[in-house]
Amino acid sequence: MLLRLAWRNIWRNKRRTLITLGMIQFAVVLATLMATIRDGIMDIQVENVVGGYQGYAAINDTGYVEEPSIDYIVPYNDSVQSFLKSQNLIKSYSPRIIGGGIITRGEKFKIGRIVGVNPALEDSLTHFSKNLVKGRMHHSIGEVVLGLGLAERLKADLDSVVFITGMGYQGNTANLMLKVVGIIKLSNIQENKRLAFVTLEEAREGFALYEGVNQIVLGLRDNTKAKQSVKKLKKQFTDPVQIYSWNELNVPLYMLVEVNDAVNIIVSAMLYFIISFGLFGTILMMLAERKREFGMLIAIGMKKSKLSYITYLENTFMAIFGTALGFVIAIPVVYYLNQNPVTLTGRNAEDIAKFGFEPLVRTSMNFNIFMWQAISVLGISLFFSLYPILKIRSMNENKAMKG
C-alpha cells in the first residue's frame, strides 16, 4: 500500500520528478565520463610506453635494472626456454640484445639504441609488423628496421645504408653496416626517435655477445594483473636473475600512475561535493513545494513516521531510476569516445609528446568505473533523502499549513 502510494506521489508533479531524475542522471553521466577520461588517458600512456615496446614483464639481471648496460646478461638456454614455454601465465616472449651507438647516414647522425631480436618472436609479442610504415621486418644479417623518428632524423628511406659505431660486450668495439629494409612507427614517441632493430645474430656478432641476452621480455595472458602474475612466476623461476613487472622496470611511469589515482580521488571528491549541492537543492525544492501538503496530512491524523517512510520511498525510487538512466546513457557515450579517441593538436599535443606520450584522449571501458560512479551517486542521493525524514518529524502542522 505504502509502495503504491509513494509511486503515485512521484508522478503527481511530473515537472518536479523529471527535474530530480535529470539531476541524478546528469550527475551519473558527468562523474562516469570524467573518471573514464582520466583513467583512459593513463591507460593510453601505459600502453604506449609499456605495451608498445618495453613489455609488461621481463627477465633481467639486477644490475641491468639499476643501470642498463650490454655487460649485464641473462641466460637464454634450453632450460630457460622450456620454463617460458611451460608457463600458462606467459603468452609470448622475446629475447633481446640491447646496445648503444652512433647511427650515421652521410652527414646525418643520431645516438640511438640498437636492439637485436628474433623477428618472429618479437612480432608475436609486440605485433611490430602491423606498425610498419614502409618495407618489411628484417630477416637476415645486414638488415635493419628504423623507428620512424630516427629515419626522419637520418633522412633515411628503404634501401638506405646506415653505419653504426658503438661499445660492445666487455669493451669490444661494435661496427655495423646495414641496409634499411623497413621503417616502423612505435607508439612510444621517444623510442620511435632512437630505436633500430636488427636480427639477434647480427647483434651477437656486432656486439661480440655470444652467450645469453640482455633481456627477455614477456607477454602475459592478462597484462592488467602483471604484478600478481610476476609474483607467481618468481616463485617458480630458479635462476639467479630476476623476473620484473613493468612497474619495477619503469618506476617513474608507475609513480605517475599512482599520482593519477590520487588525483582521481581528489577530483572525484570535489565533483561529488558539487553534485551533492545539486541533489540537496532538488530535495529542498520538493520540501518547499509540499510543505503545506505534509502539514495537512499530519493534521488529519497521518503518522509522521509513515509520512517520512513514504517520502523516503519516493526519493529512493527517483534515486534508483535516475541512477539507472544515467548508467544507460553513460555506456554508449563512453564507448563512442573509447572507439573514437580525440586527437589533441597545437601546444597541448606538443607538451604531451615531449614526455613520449601519444596526444590522445580516450575513455576507459573498465566496468568497475561505471559501477562505482553509479553506486556513489546513488549513495549520495539516498543519504540526502534522509533529510526530509528529519524535517517531517520536527514539522509543526499548523505552521506548515499556514506556510
Foldseek 3Di string as FASTA:
>chain_A
DLLVVLVVVLVVPVVLLVLLLVLLLVLLQVLLVVLQLLVVQLVQQCCQVALQPVAQKKWAFPVCLVPNDLQGFDFDDPVVVVLQVPDQFFDAKKFKAKFWWWKAAVPFIDTAIEIAIQVVRVCSRNVQQVQWPDFGDEHDAQEKEAQPQQCVRRVHDAQGKMWTWGAAHPRDIFIGIHGYGTYGHGQQLVNSNHYMYDHNVNNCVRRVPVGGHRMMHTHGPDSVCSVVSLVVSQVVDDDPIGMDGVCSSCVVSVVVVVVSVVVSVVVSVVSVVVSLVVLLVSVVVVCVVCLQVLLVCVVVPDDLVSVLVSLLSSLLVSLVSSLVSSLVVNQVVLVVCQVVWDADDDPVQVVQVVVRHGRTRHGHPPVVSSVVSSVSSSVSSSVSSCVVSVDSVPDNSVVSNVD
